[in-house]
C-alpha atoms as a PDB file:
ATOM      1  CA  MET A   1      12.951  -9.681  27.521  1.00  0.00           C
ATOM      2  CA  LEU A   2      13.273  -7.997  24.123  1.00  0.00           C
ATOM      3  CA  ALA A   3      16.496  -6.140  24.843  1.00  0.00           C
ATOM      4  CA  GLY A   4      19.616  -7.286  23.041  1.00  0.00           C
ATOM      5  CA  HIS A   5      18.000  -9.194  20.202  1.00  0.00           C
ATOM      6  CA  ASP A   6      19.147  -8.672  16.614  1.00  0.00           C
ATOM      7  CA  VAL A   7      15.599  -8.118  15.342  1.00  0.00           C
ATOM      8  CA  VAL A   8      12.384  -7.285  17.190  1.00  0.00           C
ATOM      9  CA  VAL A   9       9.024  -7.254  15.396  1.00  0.00           C
ATOM     10  CA  LEU A  10       6.171  -5.448  17.144  1.00  0.00           C
ATOM     11  CA  ALA A  11       2.651  -6.552  16.215  1.00  0.00           C
ATOM     12  CA  LEU A  12       0.502  -4.562  18.603  1.00  0.00           C
ATOM     13  CA  PRO A  13      -2.646  -2.419  18.365  1.00  0.00           C
ATOM     14  CA  HIS A  14      -2.114   1.110  17.092  1.00  0.00           C
ATOM     15  CA  GLY A  15      -0.776   3.397  19.791  1.00  0.00           C
ATOM     16  CA  GLN A  16       0.849   0.665  21.885  1.00  0.00           C
ATOM     17  CA  SER A  17       4.144  -0.036  20.136  1.00  0.00           C
ATOM     18  CA  GLY A  18       5.553   3.466  20.519  1.00  0.00           C
ATOM     19  CA  ARG A  19       6.238   3.106  24.250  1.00  0.00           C
ATOM     20  CA  ILE A  20       7.970  -0.273  23.877  1.00  0.00           C
ATOM     21  CA  ALA A  21       9.967   0.974  20.910  1.00  0.00           C
ATOM     22  CA  ALA A  22      11.126   3.998  22.934  1.00  0.00           C
ATOM     23  CA  GLU A  23      12.367   1.713  25.718  1.00  0.00           C
ATOM     24  CA  LEU A  24      14.171  -0.527  23.218  1.00  0.00           C
ATOM     25  CA  GLU A  25      15.871   2.463  21.644  1.00  0.00           C
ATOM     26  CA  GLN A  26      17.386   3.218  25.053  1.00  0.00           C
ATOM     27  CA  THR A  27      18.477  -0.339  25.907  1.00  0.00           C
ATOM     28  CA  SER A  28      19.208  -1.722  22.420  1.00  0.00           C
ATOM     29  CA  PRO A  29      19.989   1.112  19.991  1.00  0.00           C
ATOM     30  CA  ASP A  30      21.457  -1.272  17.404  1.00  0.00           C
ATOM     31  CA  THR A  31      18.502  -3.670  17.364  1.00  0.00           C
ATOM     32  CA  LEU A  32      16.480  -3.730  14.130  1.00  0.00           C
ATOM     33  CA  ILE A  33      12.943  -2.827  15.251  1.00  0.00           C
ATOM     34  CA  VAL A  34      10.026  -3.432  12.898  1.00  0.00           C
ATOM     35  CA  ASP A  35       6.581  -2.040  13.716  1.00  0.00           C
ATOM     36  CA  LEU A  36       3.554  -3.633  12.034  1.00  0.00           C
ATOM     37  CA  ALA A  37       1.200  -1.068  13.578  1.00  0.00           C
ATOM     38  CA  ALA A  38       0.734   2.484  12.330  1.00  0.00           C
ATOM     39  CA  ASP A  39       2.617   4.273  15.125  1.00  0.00           C
ATOM     40  CA  HIS A  40       5.635   5.257  13.015  1.00  0.00           C
ATOM     41  CA  ARG A  41       4.240   5.384   9.454  1.00  0.00           C
ATOM     42  CA  LEU A  42       3.122   8.998   9.171  1.00  0.00           C
ATOM     43  CA  ILE A  43       5.489  11.915   8.685  1.00  0.00           C
ATOM     44  CA  SER A  44       2.970  14.553   9.764  1.00  0.00           C
ATOM     45  CA  ALA A  45       2.314  14.715  13.512  1.00  0.00           C
ATOM     46  CA  ALA A  46      -0.853  16.712  12.811  1.00  0.00           C
ATOM     47  CA  ALA A  47      -2.189  13.997  10.496  1.00  0.00           C
ATOM     48  CA  TRP A  48      -1.442  11.322  13.096  1.00  0.00           C
ATOM     49  CA  GLU A  49      -3.215  13.214  15.855  1.00  0.00           C
ATOM     50  CA  LYS A  50      -6.227  13.894  13.622  1.00  0.00           C
ATOM     51  CA  PHE A  51      -6.738  10.288  12.498  1.00  0.00           C
ATOM     52  CA  TYR A  52      -5.455   8.372  15.541  1.00  0.00           C
ATOM     53  CA  GLY A  53      -6.193  10.750  18.400  1.00  0.00           C
ATOM     54  CA  SER A  54      -2.951  10.337  20.338  1.00  0.00           C
ATOM     55  CA  GLU A  55       0.571  11.754  20.481  1.00  0.00           C
ATOM     56  CA  HIS A  56       2.742  11.128  17.429  1.00  0.00           C
ATOM     57  CA  GLN A  57       5.564   8.660  18.152  1.00  0.00           C
ATOM     58  CA  GLY A  58       7.918   9.766  15.382  1.00  0.00           C
ATOM     59  CA  THR A  59       8.588   8.584  11.828  1.00  0.00           C
ATOM     60  CA  TRP A  60      10.558   5.484  10.841  1.00  0.00           C
ATOM     61  CA  THR A  61      11.779   4.240   7.463  1.00  0.00           C
ATOM     62  CA  TYR A  62       8.768   3.179   5.428  1.00  0.00           C
ATOM     63  CA  GLY A  63       8.672  -0.547   4.643  1.00  0.00           C
ATOM     64  CA  LEU A  64       7.353  -0.644   1.068  1.00  0.00           C
ATOM     65  CA  PRO A  65      10.445  -1.522  -1.011  1.00  0.00           C
ATOM     66  CA  GLU A  66       8.847  -1.022  -4.439  1.00  0.00           C
ATOM     67  CA  LEU A  67       7.423   2.431  -3.685  1.00  0.00           C
ATOM     68  CA  LEU A  68       8.654   5.011  -6.198  1.00  0.00           C
ATOM     69  CA  THR A  69      10.340   8.128  -4.872  1.00  0.00           C
ATOM     70  CA  ALA A  70      10.727  11.607  -6.294  1.00  0.00           C
ATOM     71  CA  ASP A  71      14.464  11.207  -6.933  1.00  0.00           C
ATOM     72  CA  GLY A  72      13.909   8.297  -9.315  1.00  0.00           C
ATOM     73  CA  THR A  73      14.936   5.553  -6.881  1.00  0.00           C
ATOM     74  CA  LYS A  74      12.729   3.252  -4.836  1.00  0.00           C
ATOM     75  CA  GLN A  75      12.107   2.960  -1.132  1.00  0.00           C
ATOM     76  CA  ARG A  76      14.265  -0.179  -0.900  1.00  0.00           C
ATOM     77  CA  GLU A  77      17.377   2.034  -1.018  1.00  0.00           C
ATOM     78  CA  ALA A  78      16.379   3.656   2.272  1.00  0.00           C
ATOM     79  CA  LEU A  79      15.622   0.248   3.789  1.00  0.00           C
ATOM     80  CA  LYS A  80      19.181  -0.920   3.152  1.00  0.00           C
ATOM     81  CA  SER A  81      20.562   1.502   5.732  1.00  0.00           C
ATOM     82  CA  THR A  82      18.040   1.591   8.565  1.00  0.00           C
ATOM     83  CA  ASN A  83      17.302  -0.191  11.828  1.00  0.00           C
ATOM     84  CA  ARG A  84      13.792   1.215  12.274  1.00  0.00           C
ATOM     85  CA  ILE A  85      11.052   0.060   9.884  1.00  0.00           C
ATOM     86  CA  ALA A  86       7.377   1.057   9.804  1.00  0.00           C
ATOM     87  CA  VAL A  87       5.399  -1.526   7.816  1.00  0.00           C
ATOM     88  CA  PRO A  88       2.631   0.007   5.622  1.00  0.00           C
ATOM     89  CA  GLY A  89      -1.073  -0.565   5.960  1.00  0.00           C
ATOM     90  CA  CYS A  90      -2.478  -3.329   3.755  1.00  0.00           C
ATOM     91  CA  ASN A  91      -4.962  -1.092   1.921  1.00  0.00           C
ATOM     92  CA  VAL A  92      -2.253   1.516   1.501  1.00  0.00           C
ATOM     93  CA  THR A  93       0.041  -1.024  -0.143  1.00  0.00           C
ATOM     94  CA  ALA A  94      -2.547  -1.927  -2.781  1.00  0.00           C
ATOM     95  CA  VAL A  95      -3.490   1.656  -3.643  1.00  0.00           C
ATOM     96  CA  SER A  96       0.061   3.027  -3.568  1.00  0.00           C
ATOM     97  CA  LEU A  97       1.415   0.307  -5.862  1.00  0.00           C
ATOM     98  CA  GLY A  98      -1.492   0.833  -8.257  1.00  0.00           C
ATOM     99  CA  LEU A  99      -1.218   4.608  -8.536  1.00  0.00           C
ATOM    100  CA  ALA A 100       2.414   5.588  -7.992  1.00  0.00           C
ATOM    101  CA  PRO A 101       3.669   4.906 -11.557  1.00  0.00           C
ATOM    102  CA  LEU A 102       0.801   6.890 -13.094  1.00  0.00           C
ATOM    103  CA  ILE A 103       1.150   9.848 -10.743  1.00  0.00           C
ATOM    104  CA  GLN A 104       4.903  10.042 -11.274  1.00  0.00           C
ATOM    105  CA  ALA A 105       4.535   9.924 -15.082  1.00  0.00           C
ATOM    106  CA  GLY A 106       1.807  12.582 -15.089  1.00  0.00           C
ATOM    107  CA  LEU A 107      -0.598  10.177 -16.786  1.00  0.00           C
ATOM    108  CA  ALA A 108      -3.080  10.548 -13.905  1.00  0.00           C
ATOM    109  CA  THR A 109      -3.955  13.645 -11.919  1.00  0.00           C
ATOM    110  CA  PRO A 110      -3.213  13.465  -8.166  1.00  0.00           C
ATOM    111  CA  VAL A 111      -6.594  14.991  -7.313  1.00  0.00           C
ATOM    112  CA  GLY A 112      -9.988  13.352  -7.697  1.00  0.00           C
ATOM    113  CA  LEU A 113      -8.574   9.877  -7.113  1.00  0.00           C
ATOM    114  CA  ASN A 114     -11.039   7.183  -6.102  1.00  0.00           C
ATOM    115  CA  ALA A 115     -10.424   3.752  -4.589  1.00  0.00           C
ATOM    116  CA  VAL A 116     -12.980   1.171  -3.484  1.00  0.00           C
ATOM    117  CA  LEU A 117     -11.548  -1.928  -1.834  1.00  0.00           C
ATOM    118  CA  ALA A 118     -13.164  -5.294  -1.143  1.00  0.00           C
ATOM    119  CA  ASN A 119     -11.522  -6.506   2.074  1.00  0.00           C
ATOM    120  CA  GLY A 120     -11.454  -9.895   3.743  1.00  0.00           C
ATOM    121  CA  VAL A 121     -12.517 -10.027   7.376  1.00  0.00           C
ATOM    122  CA  SER A 122      -8.959 -10.452   8.680  1.00  0.00           C
ATOM    123  CA  GLY A 123      -8.245  -6.939   7.440  1.00  0.00           C
ATOM    124  CA  ALA A 124     -10.600  -5.617  10.112  1.00  0.00           C
ATOM    125  CA  GLY A 125      -8.838  -7.395  12.988  1.00  0.00           C
ATOM    126  CA  LYS A 126      -9.506 -10.295  15.335  1.00  0.00           C
ATOM    127  CA  ALA A 127     -11.606  -8.540  17.977  1.00  0.00           C
ATOM    128  CA  LEU A 128     -14.821 -10.316  18.917  1.00  0.00           C
ATOM    129  CA  LYS A 129     -17.252  -7.850  17.377  1.00  0.00           C
ATOM    130  CA  PRO A 130     -20.698  -8.700  15.958  1.00  0.00           C
ATOM    131  CA  HIS A 131     -19.944  -7.389  12.449  1.00  0.00           C
ATOM    132  CA  LEU A 132     -16.880  -9.669  12.194  1.00  0.00           C
ATOM    133  CA  THR A 133     -18.686 -12.908  13.017  1.00  0.00           C
ATOM    134  CA  ALA A 134     -19.671 -15.366  10.302  1.00  0.00           C
ATOM    135  CA  ALA A 135     -23.359 -14.852  11.048  1.00  0.00           C
ATOM    136  CA  GLU A 136     -23.035 -11.180  10.097  1.00  0.00           C
ATOM    137  CA  VAL A 137     -20.449 -11.433   7.307  1.00  0.00           C
ATOM    138  CA  LEU A 138     -21.665 -14.383   5.238  1.00  0.00           C
ATOM    139  CA  GLY A 139     -23.968 -13.268   2.448  1.00  0.00           C
ATOM    140  CA  ASN A 140     -23.259  -9.632   3.232  1.00  0.00           C
ATOM    141  CA  ALA A 141     -21.067  -6.725   2.113  1.00  0.00           C
ATOM    142  CA  SER A 142     -20.758  -3.467   4.041  1.00  0.00           C
ATOM    143  CA  PRO A 143     -18.652  -0.311   3.743  1.00  0.00           C
ATOM    144  CA  TYR A 144     -16.690   1.166   6.621  1.00  0.00           C
ATOM    145  CA  GLY A 145     -14.363   4.101   7.202  1.00  0.00           C
ATOM    146  CA  THR A 146     -16.464   6.156   4.789  1.00  0.00           C
ATOM    147  CA  GLY A 147     -16.283   9.831   3.889  1.00  0.00           C
ATOM    148  CA  GLY A 148     -12.518  10.229   4.240  1.00  0.00           C
ATOM    149  CA  THR A 149     -12.426   8.994   7.842  1.00  0.00           C
ATOM    150  CA  HIS A 150     -10.395   5.794   7.369  1.00  0.00           C
ATOM    151  CA  ARG A 151      -6.945   5.906   8.974  1.00  0.00           C
ATOM    152  CA  HIS A 152      -5.223   4.827   5.770  1.00  0.00           C
ATOM    153  CA  VAL A 153      -6.213   7.999   3.891  1.00  0.00           C
ATOM    154  CA  PRO A 154      -3.327  10.195   5.117  1.00  0.00           C
ATOM    155  CA  GLU A 155      -0.862   7.344   4.553  1.00  0.00           C
ATOM    156  CA  ILE A 156      -1.931   6.873   0.921  1.00  0.00           C
ATOM    157  CA  GLU A 157      -1.751  10.600   0.258  1.00  0.00           C
ATOM    158  CA  GLN A 158       1.657  10.777   1.964  1.00  0.00           C
ATOM    159  CA  ASN A 159       3.031   8.072  -0.339  1.00  0.00           C
ATOM    160  CA  LEU A 160       1.712   9.652  -3.524  1.00  0.00           C
ATOM    161  CA  ASN A 161       2.825  13.132  -2.471  1.00  0.00           C
ATOM    162  CA  GLY A 162       6.259  11.619  -1.912  1.00  0.00           C
ATOM    163  CA  VAL A 163       6.307  10.322  -5.478  1.00  0.00           C
ATOM    164  CA  LEU A 164       5.816  13.926  -6.599  1.00  0.00           C
ATOM    165  CA  GLY A 165       8.372  15.323  -4.166  1.00  0.00           C
ATOM    166  CA  ALA A 166       5.584  17.250  -2.435  1.00  0.00           C
ATOM    167  CA  ASP A 167       4.854  17.814   1.253  1.00  0.00           C
ATOM    168  CA  ALA A 168       3.592  14.618   2.877  1.00  0.00           C
ATOM    169  CA  ALA A 169       0.425  16.127   4.330  1.00  0.00           C
ATOM    170  CA  ASP A 170      -0.097  19.305   2.287  1.00  0.00           C
ATOM    171  CA  GLY A 171       0.785  18.058  -1.199  1.00  0.00           C
ATOM    172  CA  PRO A 172      -1.719  17.976  -4.057  1.00  0.00           C
ATOM    173  CA  THR A 173      -2.882  14.368  -3.644  1.00  0.00           C
ATOM    174  CA  ARG A 174      -6.510  13.864  -2.667  1.00  0.00           C
ATOM    175  CA  ILE A 175      -8.219  10.476  -2.668  1.00  0.00           C
ATOM    176  CA  SER A 176     -11.703   9.225  -1.903  1.00  0.00           C
ATOM    177  CA  PHE A 177     -11.070   5.879  -0.223  1.00  0.00           C
ATOM    178  CA  THR A 178     -13.808   3.393   0.733  1.00  0.00           C
ATOM    179  CA  PRO A 179     -13.031  -0.089   2.105  1.00  0.00           C
ATOM    180  CA  THR A 180     -15.815  -2.669   2.031  1.00  0.00           C
ATOM    181  CA  LEU A 181     -16.040  -5.770   4.198  1.00  0.00           C
ATOM    182  CA  VAL A 182     -16.870  -8.848   2.097  1.00  0.00           C
ATOM    183  CA  PRO A 183     -17.373 -12.524   3.069  1.00  0.00           C
ATOM    184  CA  MET A 184     -13.865 -13.883   2.589  1.00  0.00           C
ATOM    185  CA  ALA A 185     -11.238 -14.609   5.237  1.00  0.00           C
ATOM    186  CA  ARG A 186      -8.375 -12.718   3.637  1.00  0.00           C
ATOM    187  CA  GLY A 187      -7.428 -10.694   0.595  1.00  0.00           C
ATOM    188  CA  ILE A 188      -7.906  -7.236  -0.916  1.00  0.00           C
ATOM    189  CA  LEU A 189      -9.239  -6.310  -4.338  1.00  0.00           C
ATOM    190  CA  ALA A 190      -8.672  -2.607  -4.972  1.00  0.00           C
ATOM    191  CA  THR A 191     -10.564  -0.915  -7.796  1.00  0.00           C
ATOM    192  CA  ILE A 192      -8.935   2.460  -8.428  1.00  0.00           C
ATOM    193  CA  THR A 193      -9.913   5.219 -10.857  1.00  0.00           C
ATOM    194  CA  ALA A 194      -8.046   8.385 -11.773  1.00  0.00           C
ATOM    195  CA  ASP A 195      -8.655  11.205 -14.214  1.00  0.00           C
ATOM    196  CA  ALA A 196      -6.240  11.303 -17.143  1.00  0.00           C
ATOM    197  CA  GLY A 197      -3.429  13.773 -16.454  1.00  0.00           C
ATOM    198  CA  LYS A 198      -1.675  16.427 -18.493  1.00  0.00           C
ATOM    199  CA  ALA A 199       0.773  13.918 -19.955  1.00  0.00           C
ATOM    200  CA  ALA A 200      -2.013  11.672 -21.271  1.00  0.00           C
ATOM    201  CA  PRO A 201      -2.080  11.725 -25.099  1.00  0.00           C
ATOM    202  CA  ARG A 202      -4.945  13.485 -26.884  1.00  0.00           C
ATOM    203  CA  THR A 203      -6.257  13.452 -30.441  1.00  0.00           C
ATOM    204  CA  ALA A 204      -6.228  16.497 -32.722  1.00  0.00           C
ATOM    205  CA  GLU A 205      -9.753  17.200 -31.488  1.00  0.00           C
ATOM    206  CA  GLY A 206      -8.580  17.245 -27.876  1.00  0.00           C
ATOM    207  CA  LEU A 207     -10.137  13.887 -26.987  1.00  0.00           C
ATOM    208  CA  LEU A 208      -8.352  11.245 -24.970  1.00  0.00           C
ATOM    209  CA  ASP A 209      -6.367   8.874 -27.184  1.00  0.00           C
ATOM    210  CA  ALA A 210      -7.123   5.607 -25.387  1.00  0.00           C
ATOM    211  CA  ALA A 211      -4.885   3.386 -27.501  1.00  0.00           C
ATOM    212  CA  ALA A 212      -1.858   5.633 -27.073  1.00  0.00           C
ATOM    213  CA  LEU A 213      -2.567   6.069 -23.360  1.00  0.00           C
ATOM    214  CA  ASN A 214      -2.762   2.320 -22.847  1.00  0.00           C
ATOM    215  CA  LYS A 215       0.696   2.002 -24.394  1.00  0.00           C
ATOM    216  CA  GLN A 216       2.054   4.696 -22.105  1.00  0.00           C
ATOM    217  CA  LEU A 217       0.467   3.037 -19.078  1.00  0.00           C
ATOM    218  CA  ALA A 218       2.028  -0.290 -20.037  1.00  0.00           C
ATOM    219  CA  ALA A 219       5.419   1.398 -20.364  1.00  0.00           C
ATOM    220  CA  SER A 220       5.071   3.114 -16.979  1.00  0.00           C
ATOM    221  CA  PHE A 221       4.113  -0.091 -15.179  1.00  0.00           C
ATOM    222  CA  ALA A 222       6.864  -2.031 -16.957  1.00  0.00           C
ATOM    223  CA  GLN A 223       9.441   0.559 -15.964  1.00  0.00           C
ATOM    224  CA  ALA A 224       8.214   0.605 -12.357  1.00  0.00           C
ATOM    225  CA  TYR A 225       7.716  -3.116 -11.772  1.00  0.00           C
ATOM    226  CA  GLY A 226       9.177  -5.042 -14.706  1.00  0.00           C
ATOM    227  CA  ASP A 227      12.006  -6.450 -12.591  1.00  0.00           C
ATOM    228  CA  GLU A 228      10.101  -6.652  -9.299  1.00  0.00           C
ATOM    229  CA  PRO A 229       9.570 -10.214  -8.008  1.00  0.00           C
ATOM    230  CA  PHE A 230       6.651  -9.259  -5.774  1.00  0.00           C
ATOM    231  CA  VAL A 231       4.625  -6.982  -8.074  1.00  0.00           C
ATOM    232  CA  ARG A 232       3.181  -8.778 -11.080  1.00  0.00           C
ATOM    233  CA  VAL A 233       1.615  -6.755 -13.906  1.00  0.00           C
ATOM    234  CA  LEU A 234      -0.683  -9.243 -15.633  1.00  0.00           C
ATOM    235  CA  PRO A 235      -0.842  -9.838 -19.389  1.00  0.00           C
ATOM    236  CA  GLU A 236      -3.469  -7.925 -21.334  1.00  0.00           C
ATOM    237  CA  GLY A 237      -6.940  -9.338 -20.781  1.00  0.00           C
ATOM    238  CA  GLN A 238      -6.146 -10.964 -17.420  1.00  0.00           C
ATOM    239  CA  TRP A 239      -7.450  -9.336 -14.254  1.00  0.00           C
ATOM    240  CA  PRO A 240      -6.295  -9.705 -10.639  1.00  0.00           C
ATOM    241  CA  GLN A 241      -8.055 -12.177  -8.350  1.00  0.00           C
ATOM    242  CA  THR A 242      -7.697 -12.391  -4.593  1.00  0.00           C
ATOM    243  CA  ALA A 243      -7.586 -16.205  -4.562  1.00  0.00           C
ATOM    244  CA  ALA A 244      -4.535 -16.187  -6.813  1.00  0.00           C
ATOM    245  CA  THR A 245      -2.596 -14.161  -4.217  1.00  0.00           C
ATOM    246  CA  THR A 246      -3.611 -16.049  -1.058  1.00  0.00           C
ATOM    247  CA  GLY A 247      -0.508 -17.009   0.909  1.00  0.00           C
ATOM    248  CA  SER A 248       1.747 -15.114  -1.507  1.00  0.00           C
ATOM    249  CA  ASN A 249       3.851 -11.982  -1.152  1.00  0.00           C
ATOM    250  CA  VAL A 250       2.897 -10.923  -4.694  1.00  0.00           C
ATOM    251  CA  ALA A 251       0.556  -8.087  -5.651  1.00  0.00           C
ATOM    252  CA  GLN A 252      -1.228  -8.534  -8.980  1.00  0.00           C
ATOM    253  CA  VAL A 253      -1.867  -5.407 -11.087  1.00  0.00           C
ATOM    254  CA  GLN A 254      -3.882  -4.672 -14.229  1.00  0.00           C
ATOM    255  CA  PHE A 255      -5.063  -1.462 -15.913  1.00  0.00           C
ATOM    256  CA  THR A 256      -7.150  -0.098 -18.755  1.00  0.00           C
ATOM    257  CA  VAL A 257      -8.504   3.196 -20.079  1.00  0.00           C
ATOM    258  CA  ASP A 258     -12.161   4.199 -19.892  1.00  0.00           C
ATOM    259  CA  GLU A 259     -12.188   6.414 -22.968  1.00  0.00           C
ATOM    260  CA  ARG A 260     -15.771   7.587 -22.565  1.00  0.00           C
ATOM    261  CA  ALA A 261     -15.187   8.773 -18.991  1.00  0.00           C
ATOM    262  CA  SER A 262     -11.601   9.986 -19.658  1.00  0.00           C
ATOM    263  CA  THR A 263     -10.404   7.942 -16.701  1.00  0.00           C
ATOM    264  CA  ILE A 264      -7.819   5.283 -15.970  1.00  0.00           C
ATOM    265  CA  LEU A 265      -8.819   2.088 -14.179  1.00  0.00           C
ATOM    266  CA  VAL A 266      -6.280   0.134 -12.119  1.00  0.00           C
ATOM    267  CA  VAL A 267      -7.109  -3.074 -10.228  1.00  0.00           C
ATOM    268  CA  VAL A 268      -4.783  -4.547  -7.598  1.00  0.00           C
ATOM    269  CA  ALA A 269      -5.169  -7.820  -5.690  1.00  0.00           C
ATOM    270  CA  LEU A 270      -3.056  -8.958  -2.754  1.00  0.00           C
ATOM    271  CA  ASP A 271      -3.168 -11.011   0.428  1.00  0.00           C
ATOM    272  CA  ASN A 272      -3.545  -8.506   3.254  1.00  0.00           C
ATOM    273  CA  LEU A 273      -1.798 -10.848   5.704  1.00  0.00           C
ATOM    274  CA  VAL A 274       1.305 -11.453   3.554  1.00  0.00           C
ATOM    275  CA  ARG A 275       1.947  -8.800   0.894  1.00  0.00           C
ATOM    276  CA  GLY A 276      -0.129  -6.409   2.991  1.00  0.00           C
ATOM    277  CA  THR A 277       1.693  -6.948   6.270  1.00  0.00           C
ATOM    278  CA  ALA A 278       3.914  -9.813   7.399  1.00  0.00           C
ATOM    279  CA  GLY A 279       5.436 -10.692   4.026  1.00  0.00           C
ATOM    280  CA  GLN A 280       6.641  -7.221   3.215  1.00  0.00           C
ATOM    281  CA  ALA A 281       7.841  -6.860   6.801  1.00  0.00           C
ATOM    282  CA  ILE A 282      10.131  -9.851   6.214  1.00  0.00           C
ATOM    283  CA  GLN A 283      11.078  -8.469   2.795  1.00  0.00           C
ATOM    284  CA  SER A 284      12.082  -5.183   4.438  1.00  0.00           C
ATOM    285  CA  ILE A 285      13.996  -6.982   7.206  1.00  0.00           C
ATOM    286  CA  HIS A 286      15.997  -8.847   4.567  1.00  0.00           C
ATOM    287  CA  LEU A 287      16.963  -5.555   2.937  1.00  0.00           C
ATOM    288  CA  ALA A 288      17.986  -3.987   6.248  1.00  0.00           C
ATOM    289  CA  LEU A 289      20.146  -7.025   7.063  1.00  0.00           C
ATOM    290  CA  GLY A 290      21.764  -7.147   3.627  1.00  0.00           C
ATOM    291  CA  LEU A 291      20.077 -10.411   2.643  1.00  0.00           C
ATOM    292  CA  ASP A 292      18.331 -11.427  -0.580  1.00  0.00           C
ATOM    293  CA  GLU A 293      14.905  -9.851  -0.140  1.00  0.00           C
ATOM    294  CA  THR A 294      13.111 -12.795  -1.784  1.00  0.00           C
ATOM    295  CA  THR A 295      14.437 -15.361   0.720  1.00  0.00           C
ATOM    296  CA  ALA A 296      11.716 -17.782   1.892  1.00  0.00           C
ATOM    297  CA  LEU A 297       8.893 -15.552   0.626  1.00  0.00           C
ATOM    298  CA  PRO A 298       6.277 -17.310  -1.548  1.00  0.00           C
ATOM    299  CA  LEU A 299       5.778 -16.113  -5.111  1.00  0.00           C
ATOM    300  CA  GLU A 300       2.681 -18.170  -5.865  1.00  0.00           C
ATOM    301  CA  GLY A 301      -0.693 -18.260  -4.181  1.00  0.00           C
ATOM    302  CA  VAL A 302      -2.315 -21.442  -2.968  1.00  0.00           C
ATOM    303  CA  ALA A 303      -5.432 -21.263  -5.150  1.00  0.00           C
ATOM    304  CA  PRO A 304      -6.023 -24.294  -7.435  1.00  0.00           C
END
């Protein structure tokens, strides 16, 4: 039934799209196939087998157009010449967009990274499980995928290692990543901290120069996303909110320096169902088909 179509989008549980994709590659080699599951995201077969427990299905072109790459371009260039797209994880999108400019500029160290994400229930799936019902979720917040066990950890590290031109699985990036289920239907608010890197400015006494670092951070984010329609770096003093991104393909970003702790704080908000999955899938499809990537994708959320 799927053979011969111009575009096929697979939205299946992890581990199930690989078989169908393999069949399509035999019957319809020119079809643009887009996988919303994780089957083709990871470069390292060992990392896939460790975190997903099954045979690796191969690596497709990664569907995060704004992701910085080591050669100074962005991932959208690769998407313009592919017919196999692996759409990123929603948590991965938020963390990668928040950290990539800082890691590339050397303003943040790639080790000792920390990200805590407040996730809407839809980010955990639609399965009828007790912890996903309203009776359990309302008035409650609970962590999951703790202690480096969440499946998005190797994907985040792969992206940030790629920014540095390092090996996807064995590069220097290490992140402590903790998602938390909160009582909202959709949305992600990522709170990310990183130690100031070697390129961060210091005073004559060797202390972190917060004012100068803030200027450098602003320049790095402006260079990375200043002309991006779907990544919005907010004005100083404004912080991302999940409600402002609901129904939108835009990720909101803000940053500051914690001078006392010598750390950088980045906060990212996005809608996990649009910017985190389906929206950037469509954005990537547009690029692969040679269309305007902003076509029919909402820039504003539906919050009052």
